[in-house]
């Protein structure tokens, strides 16, 4: 239990996870709007088609960003190295 609390404190003090997740979600939302904008200018006017496709593409962006973030986190020093 002590190790979990120590890891939580380390993450909160060193990584700013809330800020990082806010950035990831913000980029995801912007990518959805961008994909919708691109499809609108490509001639796809139907909202019933454009929005689900934009959401699916944005979800792919989210998964990609999450993978990059996890890779970045795994390369950083772990709080469990000293345990």
PDB file of N, CA and C in Angstrom:
ATOM      1  N   UNK A   1       0.823  -1.187   0.000  1.00  0.00           N
ATOM      2  CA  UNK A   1       0.000   0.000   0.000  1.00  0.00           C
ATOM      3  C   UNK A   1       0.870   1.256   0.000  1.00  0.00           C
ATOM      4  N   UNK A   2       1.968   1.213   0.721  1.00  0.00           N
ATOM      5  CA  UNK A   2       2.877   2.351   0.755  1.00  0.00           C
ATOM      6  C   UNK A   2       3.492   2.599  -0.621  1.00  0.00           C
ATOM      7  N   UNK A   3       3.817   1.534  -1.334  1.00  0.00           N
ATOM      8  CA  UNK A   3       4.410   1.678  -2.663  1.00  0.00           C
ATOM      9  C   UNK A   3       3.426   2.320  -3.640  1.00  0.00           C
ATOM     10  N   UNK A   4       2.156   1.992  -3.510  1.00  0.00           N
ATOM     11  CA  UNK A   4       1.149   2.579  -4.395  1.00  0.00           C
ATOM     12  C   UNK A   4       1.017   4.068  -4.134  1.00  0.00           C
ATOM     13  N   UNK A   5       0.982   4.449  -2.888  1.00  0.00           N
ATOM     14  CA  UNK A   5       0.882   5.876  -2.551  1.00  0.00           C
ATOM     15  C   UNK A   5       2.134   6.634  -3.006  1.00  0.00           C
ATOM     16  N   UNK A   6       3.290   6.011  -2.843  1.00  0.00           N
ATOM     17  CA  UNK A   6       4.530   6.645  -3.273  1.00  0.00           C
ATOM     18  C   UNK A   6       4.556   6.816  -4.792  1.00  0.00           C
ATOM     19  N   UNK A   7       4.084   5.800  -5.518  1.00  0.00           N
ATOM     20  CA  UNK A   7       4.020   5.889  -6.980  1.00  0.00           C
ATOM     21  C   UNK A   7       3.036   6.960  -7.415  1.00  0.00           C
ATOM     22  N   UNK A   8       1.902   7.042  -6.738  1.00  0.00           N
ATOM     23  CA  UNK A   8       0.912   8.064  -7.069  1.00  0.00           C
ATOM     24  C   UNK A   8       1.483   9.466  -6.851  1.00  0.00           C
ATOM     25  N   UNK A   9       2.148   9.670  -5.753  1.00  0.00           N
ATOM     26  CA  UNK A   9       2.754  10.973  -5.470  1.00  0.00           C
ATOM     27  C   UNK A   9       3.846  11.308  -6.485  1.00  0.00           C
ATOM     28  N   UNK A  10       4.632  10.317  -6.850  1.00  0.00           N
ATOM     29  CA  UNK A  10       5.691  10.549  -7.828  1.00  0.00           C
ATOM     30  C   UNK A  10       5.099  10.971  -9.164  1.00  0.00           C
ATOM     31  N   UNK A  11       4.042  10.269  -9.603  1.00  0.00           N
ATOM     32  CA  UNK A  11       3.408  10.603 -10.869  1.00  0.00           C
ATOM     33  C   UNK A  11       2.795  11.998 -10.836  1.00  0.00           C
ATOM     34  N   UNK A  12       2.138  12.315  -9.740  1.00  0.00           N
ATOM     35  CA  UNK A  12       1.515  13.627  -9.636  1.00  0.00           C
ATOM     36  C   UNK A  12       2.553  14.745  -9.578  1.00  0.00           C
ATOM     37  N   UNK A  13       3.686  14.495  -8.959  1.00  0.00           N
ATOM     38  CA  UNK A  13       4.712  15.527  -8.806  1.00  0.00           C
ATOM     39  C   UNK A  13       5.595  15.688 -10.039  1.00  0.00           C
ATOM     40  N   UNK A  14       5.798  14.638 -10.792  1.00  0.00           N
ATOM     41  CA  UNK A  14       6.779  14.700 -11.876  1.00  0.00           C
ATOM     42  C   UNK A  14       6.202  14.705 -13.288  1.00  0.00           C
ATOM     43  N   UNK A  15       5.033  14.186 -13.480  1.00  0.00           N
ATOM     44  CA  UNK A  15       4.551  14.015 -14.846  1.00  0.00           C
ATOM     45  C   UNK A  15       3.394  14.908 -15.241  1.00  0.00           C
ATOM     46  N   UNK A  16       2.735  15.527 -14.301  1.00  0.00           N
ATOM     47  CA  UNK A  16       1.541  16.330 -14.589  1.00  0.00           C
ATOM     48  C   UNK A  16       0.549  15.545 -15.450  1.00  0.00           C
ATOM     49  N   UNK A  17       0.072  14.396 -14.976  1.00  0.00           N
ATOM     50  CA  UNK A  17      -0.777  13.544 -15.814  1.00  0.00           C
ATOM     51  C   UNK A  17      -2.084  14.211 -16.222  1.00  0.00           C
ATOM     52  N   UNK A  18      -2.637  15.059 -15.378  1.00  0.00           N
ATOM     53  CA  UNK A  18      -3.892  15.724 -15.751  1.00  0.00           C
ATOM     54  C   UNK A  18      -3.676  16.666 -16.928  1.00  0.00           C
ATOM     55  N   UNK A  19      -2.579  17.381 -16.916  1.00  0.00           N
ATOM     56  CA  UNK A  19      -2.264  18.277 -18.027  1.00  0.00           C
ATOM     57  C   UNK A  19      -2.000  17.483 -19.299  1.00  0.00           C
ATOM     58  N   UNK A  20      -1.264  16.400 -19.183  1.00  0.00           N
ATOM     59  CA  UNK A  20      -0.965  15.578 -20.351  1.00  0.00           C
ATOM     60  C   UNK A  20      -2.236  14.980 -20.947  1.00  0.00           C
ATOM     61  N   UNK A  21      -3.130  14.479 -20.093  1.00  0.00           N
ATOM     62  CA  UNK A  21      -4.384  13.911 -20.587  1.00  0.00           C
ATOM     63  C   UNK A  21      -5.279  15.001 -21.174  1.00  0.00           C
ATOM     64  N   UNK A  22      -5.269  16.183 -20.578  1.00  0.00           N
ATOM     65  CA  UNK A  22      -6.050  17.292 -21.127  1.00  0.00           C
ATOM     66  C   UNK A  22      -5.550  17.653 -22.526  1.00  0.00           C
ATOM     67  N   UNK A  23      -4.238  17.651 -22.709  1.00  0.00           N
ATOM     68  CA  UNK A  23      -3.676  17.924 -24.035  1.00  0.00           C
ATOM     69  C   UNK A  23      -4.054  16.840 -25.038  1.00  0.00           C
ATOM     70  N   UNK A  24      -3.981  15.594 -24.613  1.00  0.00           N
ATOM     71  CA  UNK A  24      -4.344  14.485 -25.500  1.00  0.00           C
ATOM     72  C   UNK A  24      -5.815  14.589 -25.905  1.00  0.00           C
ATOM     73  N   UNK A  25      -6.686  14.873 -24.943  1.00  0.00           N
ATOM     74  CA  UNK A  25      -8.111  14.996 -25.256  1.00  0.00           C
ATOM     75  C   UNK A  25      -8.393  16.228 -26.108  1.00  0.00           C
ATOM     76  N   UNK A  26      -7.684  17.308 -25.850  1.00  0.00           N
ATOM     77  CA  UNK A  26      -7.857  18.502 -26.664  1.00  0.00           C
ATOM     78  C   UNK A  26      -7.449  18.275 -28.105  1.00  0.00           C
ATOM     79  N   UNK A  27      -6.313  17.617 -28.302  1.00  0.00           N
ATOM     80  CA  UNK A  27      -5.852  17.304 -29.653  1.00  0.00           C
ATOM     81  C   UNK A  27      -6.834  16.358 -30.341  1.00  0.00           C
ATOM     82  N   UNK A  28      -7.395  15.415 -29.580  1.00  0.00           N
ATOM     83  CA  UNK A  28      -8.385  14.494 -30.136  1.00  0.00           C
ATOM     84  C   UNK A  28      -9.621  15.251 -30.616  1.00  0.00           C
ATOM     85  N   UNK A  29     -10.112  16.170 -29.791  1.00  0.00           N
ATOM     86  CA  UNK A  29     -11.281  16.965 -30.175  1.00  0.00           C
ATOM     87  C   UNK A  29     -11.007  17.832 -31.391  1.00  0.00           C
ATOM     88  N   UNK A  30      -9.834  18.453 -31.419  1.00  0.00           N
ATOM     89  CA  UNK A  30      -9.469  19.270 -32.579  1.00  0.00           C
ATOM     90  C   UNK A  30      -9.335  18.426 -33.842  1.00  0.00           C
ATOM     91  N   UNK A  31      -8.843  17.217 -33.685  1.00  0.00           N
ATOM     92  CA  UNK A  31      -8.707  16.357 -34.862  1.00  0.00           C
ATOM     93  C   UNK A  31     -10.087  15.952 -35.394  1.00  0.00           C
ATOM     94  N   UNK A  32     -11.050  15.727 -34.505  1.00  0.00           N
ATOM     95  CA  UNK A  32     -12.410  15.404 -34.952  1.00  0.00           C
ATOM     96  C   UNK A  32     -12.990  16.572 -35.745  1.00  0.00           C
ATOM     97  N   UNK A  33     -12.811  17.783 -35.235  1.00  0.00           N
ATOM     98  CA  UNK A  33     -13.308  18.963 -35.943  1.00  0.00           C
ATOM     99  C   UNK A  33     -12.588  19.126 -37.279  1.00  0.00           C
ATOM    100  N   UNK A  34     -11.306  18.869 -37.298  1.00  0.00           N
ATOM    101  CA  UNK A  34     -10.521  18.994 -38.532  1.00  0.00           C
ATOM    102  C   UNK A  34     -10.965  17.976 -39.576  1.00  0.00           C
ATOM    103  N   UNK A  35     -11.176  16.725 -39.147  1.00  0.00           N
ATOM    104  CA  UNK A  35     -11.624  15.697 -40.089  1.00  0.00           C
ATOM    105  C   UNK A  35     -13.009  16.035 -40.635  1.00  0.00           C
ATOM    106  N   UNK A  36     -13.882  16.535 -39.788  1.00  0.00           N
ATOM    107  CA  UNK A  36     -15.209  16.935 -40.238  1.00  0.00           C
ATOM    108  C   UNK A  36     -15.111  18.083 -41.250  1.00  0.00           C
ATOM    109  N   UNK A  37     -14.244  19.043 -40.960  1.00  0.00           N
ATOM    110  CA  UNK A  37     -14.020  20.168 -41.864  1.00  0.00           C
ATOM    111  C   UNK A  37     -13.494  19.686 -43.222  1.00  0.00           C
ATOM    112  N   UNK A  38     -12.532  18.767 -43.198  1.00  0.00           N
ATOM    113  CA  UNK A  38     -11.988  18.239 -44.451  1.00  0.00           C
ATOM    114  C   UNK A  38     -13.054  17.518 -45.265  1.00  0.00           C
ATOM    115  N   UNK A  39     -13.876  16.730 -44.579  1.00  0.00           N
ATOM    116  CA  UNK A  39     -14.925  16.010 -45.308  1.00  0.00           C
ATOM    117  C   UNK A  39     -15.978  16.964 -45.863  1.00  0.00           C
ATOM    118  N   UNK A  40     -16.287  18.033 -45.127  1.00  0.00           N
ATOM    119  CA  UNK A  40     -17.234  19.026 -45.617  1.00  0.00           C
ATOM    120  C   UNK A  40     -16.715  19.670 -46.895  1.00  0.00           C
ATOM    121  N   UNK A  41     -15.443  20.007 -46.907  1.00  0.00           N
ATOM    122  CA  UNK A  41     -14.855  20.621 -48.096  1.00  0.00           C
ATOM    123  C   UNK A  41     -14.591  19.616 -49.216  1.00  0.00           C
ATOM    124  N   UNK A  42     -14.642  18.337 -48.872  1.00  0.00           N
ATOM    125  CA  UNK A  42     -14.516  17.309 -49.904  1.00  0.00           C
ATOM    126  C   UNK A  42     -15.877  17.001 -50.537  1.00  0.00           C
ATOM    127  N   UNK A  43     -16.925  17.656 -50.031  1.00  0.00           N
ATOM    128  CA  UNK A  43     -18.239  17.480 -50.635  1.00  0.00           C
ATOM    129  C   UNK A  43     -19.170  16.556 -49.875  1.00  0.00           C
ATOM    130  N   UNK A  44     -18.758  16.076 -48.712  1.00  0.00           N
ATOM    131  CA  UNK A  44     -19.625  15.202 -47.913  1.00  0.00           C
ATOM    132  C   UNK A  44     -20.452  16.106 -46.996  1.00  0.00           C
ATOM    133  N   UNK A  45     -21.704  16.361 -47.398  1.00  0.00           N
ATOM    134  CA  UNK A  45     -22.553  17.280 -46.646  1.00  0.00           C
ATOM    135  C   UNK A  45     -23.407  16.585 -45.591  1.00  0.00           C
ATOM    136  N   UNK A  46     -23.615  15.288 -45.702  1.00  0.00           N
ATOM    137  CA  UNK A  46     -24.513  14.566 -44.801  1.00  0.00           C
ATOM    138  C   UNK A  46     -23.876  14.428 -43.415  1.00  0.00           C
ATOM    139  N   UNK A  47     -24.528  15.048 -42.420  1.00  0.00           N
ATOM    140  CA  UNK A  47     -24.008  14.978 -41.052  1.00  0.00           C
ATOM    141  C   UNK A  47     -24.013  13.548 -40.519  1.00  0.00           C
ATOM    142  N   UNK A  48     -25.017  12.777 -40.942  1.00  0.00           N
ATOM    143  CA  UNK A  48     -25.124  11.391 -40.482  1.00  0.00           C
ATOM    144  C   UNK A  48     -23.958  10.528 -40.921  1.00  0.00           C
ATOM    145  N   UNK A  49     -23.284  10.937 -41.950  1.00  0.00           N
ATOM    146  CA  UNK A  49     -22.092  10.220 -42.409  1.00  0.00           C
ATOM    147  C   UNK A  49     -20.823  10.891 -41.904  1.00  0.00           C
ATOM    148  N   UNK A  50     -20.794  12.211 -41.992  1.00  0.00           N
ATOM    149  CA  UNK A  50     -19.570  12.958 -41.676  1.00  0.00           C
ATOM    150  C   UNK A  50     -19.178  12.832 -40.206  1.00  0.00           C
ATOM    151  N   UNK A  51     -20.118  12.979 -39.294  1.00  0.00           N
ATOM    152  CA  UNK A  51     -19.772  12.965 -37.875  1.00  0.00           C
ATOM    153  C   UNK A  51     -19.290  11.603 -37.375  1.00  0.00           C
ATOM    154  N   UNK A  52     -19.969  10.499 -37.715  1.00  0.00           N
ATOM    155  CA  UNK A  52     -19.428   9.197 -37.260  1.00  0.00           C
ATOM    156  C   UNK A  52     -18.033   8.898 -37.814  1.00  0.00           C
ATOM    157  N   UNK A  53     -17.800   9.288 -39.055  1.00  0.00           N
ATOM    158  CA  UNK A  53     -16.467   9.057 -39.637  1.00  0.00           C
ATOM    159  C   UNK A  53     -15.436   9.927 -38.927  1.00  0.00           C
ATOM    160  N   UNK A  54     -15.789  11.183 -38.639  1.00  0.00           N
ATOM    161  CA  UNK A  54     -14.868  12.080 -37.929  1.00  0.00           C
ATOM    162  C   UNK A  54     -14.574  11.547 -36.529  1.00  0.00           C
ATOM    163  N   UNK A  55     -15.597  11.026 -35.858  1.00  0.00           N
ATOM    164  CA  UNK A  55     -15.393  10.464 -34.517  1.00  0.00           C
ATOM    165  C   UNK A  55     -14.501   9.234 -34.580  1.00  0.00           C
ATOM    166  N   UNK A  56     -14.725   8.375 -35.560  1.00  0.00           N
ATOM    167  CA  UNK A  56     -13.893   7.172 -35.699  1.00  0.00           C
ATOM    168  C   UNK A  56     -12.436   7.537 -35.977  1.00  0.00           C
ATOM    169  N   UNK A  57     -12.230   8.515 -36.840  1.00  0.00           N
ATOM    170  CA  UNK A  57     -10.853   8.938 -37.125  1.00  0.00           C
ATOM    171  C   UNK A  57     -10.211   9.598 -35.909  1.00  0.00           C
ATOM    172  N   UNK A  58     -10.986  10.396 -35.185  1.00  0.00           N
ATOM    173  CA  UNK A  58     -10.460  11.034 -33.979  1.00  0.00           C
ATOM    174  C   UNK A  58     -10.133   9.985 -32.920  1.00  0.00           C
ATOM    175  N   UNK A  59     -10.926   8.925 -32.847  1.00  0.00           N
ATOM    176  CA  UNK A  59     -10.631   7.851 -31.901  1.00  0.00           C
ATOM    177  C   UNK A  59      -9.302   7.191 -32.267  1.00  0.00           C
ATOM    178  N   UNK A  60      -9.045   7.036 -33.546  1.00  0.00           N
ATOM    179  CA  UNK A  60      -7.745   6.517 -33.977  1.00  0.00           C
ATOM    180  C   UNK A  60      -6.613   7.442 -33.563  1.00  0.00           C
ATOM    181  N   UNK A  61      -6.826   8.750 -33.685  1.00  0.00           N
ATOM    182  CA  UNK A  61      -5.825   9.724 -33.227  1.00  0.00           C
ATOM    183  C   UNK A  61      -5.617   9.582 -31.723  1.00  0.00           C
ATOM    184  N   UNK A  62      -6.719   9.424 -30.978  1.00  0.00           N
ATOM    185  CA  UNK A  62      -6.618   9.251 -29.529  1.00  0.00           C
ATOM    186  C   UNK A  62      -5.790   8.023 -29.181  1.00  0.00           C
ATOM    187  N   UNK A  63      -6.061   6.907 -29.838  1.00  0.00           N
ATOM    188  CA  UNK A  63      -5.301   5.688 -29.557  1.00  0.00           C
ATOM    189  C   UNK A  63      -3.829   5.851 -29.903  1.00  0.00           C
ATOM    190  N   UNK A  64      -3.547   6.535 -30.999  1.00  0.00           N
ATOM    191  CA  UNK A  64      -2.160   6.796 -31.380  1.00  0.00           C
ATOM    192  C   UNK A  64      -1.465   7.668 -30.336  1.00  0.00           C
ATOM    193  N   UNK A  65      -2.134   8.730 -29.895  1.00  0.00           N
ATOM    194  CA  UNK A  65      -1.552   9.608 -28.875  1.00  0.00           C
ATOM    195  C   UNK A  65      -1.364   8.873 -27.554  1.00  0.00           C
ATOM    196  N   UNK A  66      -2.319   8.023 -27.216  1.00  0.00           N
ATOM    197  CA  UNK A  66      -2.198   7.239 -25.986  1.00  0.00           C
ATOM    198  C   UNK A  66      -1.011   6.289 -26.063  1.00  0.00           C
ATOM    199  N   UNK A  67      -0.801   5.698 -27.213  1.00  0.00           N
ATOM    200  CA  UNK A  67       0.351   4.801 -27.395  1.00  0.00           C
ATOM    201  C   UNK A  67       1.664   5.573 -27.267  1.00  0.00           C
ATOM    202  N   UNK A  68       1.730   6.751 -27.860  1.00  0.00           N
ATOM    203  CA  UNK A  68       2.931   7.582 -27.760  1.00  0.00           C
ATOM    204  C   UNK A  68       3.162   7.975 -26.305  1.00  0.00           C
ATOM    205  N   UNK A  69       2.087   8.356 -25.607  1.00  0.00           N
ATOM    206  CA  UNK A  69       2.201   8.761 -24.198  1.00  0.00           C
ATOM    207  C   UNK A  69       2.683   7.596 -23.339  1.00  0.00           C
ATOM    208  N   UNK A  70       2.120   6.415 -23.548  1.00  0.00           N
ATOM    209  CA  UNK A  70       2.551   5.241 -22.774  1.00  0.00           C
ATOM    210  C   UNK A  70       4.001   4.883 -23.066  1.00  0.00           C
ATOM    211  N   UNK A  71       4.413   5.011 -24.307  1.00  0.00           N
ATOM    212  CA  UNK A  71       5.807   4.754 -24.662  1.00  0.00           C
ATOM    213  C   UNK A  71       6.725   5.753 -23.959  1.00  0.00           C
ATOM    214  N   UNK A  72       6.313   7.004 -23.953  1.00  0.00           N
ATOM    215  CA  UNK A  72       7.081   8.047 -23.267  1.00  0.00           C
ATOM    216  C   UNK A  72       7.172   7.760 -21.771  1.00  0.00           C
ATOM    217  N   UNK A  73       6.061   7.343 -21.185  1.00  0.00           N
ATOM    218  CA  UNK A  73       6.038   7.065 -19.747  1.00  0.00           C
ATOM    219  C   UNK A  73       6.909   5.853 -19.394  1.00  0.00           C
ATOM    220  N   UNK A  74       6.942   4.868 -20.270  1.00  0.00           N
ATOM    221  CA  UNK A  74       7.733   3.672 -19.957  1.00  0.00           C
ATOM    222  C   UNK A  74       9.226   3.947 -20.048  1.00  0.00           C
ATOM    223  N   UNK A  75       9.623   4.992 -20.787  1.00  0.00           N
ATOM    224  CA  UNK A  75      11.035   5.332 -20.917  1.00  0.00           C
ATOM    225  C   UNK A  75      11.531   6.203 -19.770  1.00  0.00           C
ATOM    226  N   UNK A  76      10.611   6.756 -18.999  1.00  0.00           N
ATOM    227  CA  UNK A  76      10.998   7.594 -17.860  1.00  0.00           C
ATOM    228  C   UNK A  76      11.357   6.714 -16.672  1.00  0.00           C
ATOM    229  N   UNK A  77      12.011   7.294 -15.700  1.00  0.00           N
ATOM    230  CA  UNK A  77      12.390   6.569 -14.491  1.00  0.00           C
ATOM    231  C   UNK A  77      11.133   6.151 -13.735  1.00  0.00           C
ATOM    232  N   UNK A  78      11.097   4.925 -13.320  1.00  0.00           N
ATOM    233  CA  UNK A  78       9.947   4.410 -12.584  1.00  0.00           C
ATOM    234  C   UNK A  78      10.146   4.580 -11.089  1.00  0.00           C
ATOM    235  N   UNK A  79       9.059   4.873 -10.354  1.00  0.00           N
ATOM    236  CA  UNK A  79       9.183   5.002  -8.901  1.00  0.00           C
ATOM    237  C   UNK A  79       9.455   3.660  -8.244  1.00  0.00           C
ATOM    238  N   UNK A  80       9.256   2.569  -8.960  1.00  0.00           N
ATOM    239  CA  UNK A  80       9.459   1.234  -8.403  1.00  0.00           C
ATOM    240  C   UNK A  80      10.880   0.729  -8.586  1.00  0.00           C
ATOM    241  N   UNK A  81      11.716   1.509  -9.300  1.00  0.00           N
ATOM    242  CA  UNK A  81      13.115   1.090  -9.479  1.00  0.00           C
ATOM    243  C   UNK A  81      13.858   1.040  -8.167  1.00  0.00           C
ATOM    244  N   UNK A  82      13.500   1.914  -7.228  1.00  0.00           N
ATOM    245  CA  UNK A  82      14.216   1.952  -5.957  1.00  0.00           C
ATOM    246  C   UNK A  82      13.614   1.027  -4.906  1.00  0.00           C
ATOM    247  N   UNK A  83      12.516   0.346  -5.242  1.00  0.00           N
ATOM    248  CA  UNK A  83      11.850  -0.539  -4.275  1.00  0.00           C
ATOM    249  C   UNK A  83      12.525  -1.873  -4.252  1.00  0.00           C
TER     250      UNK A  83
END
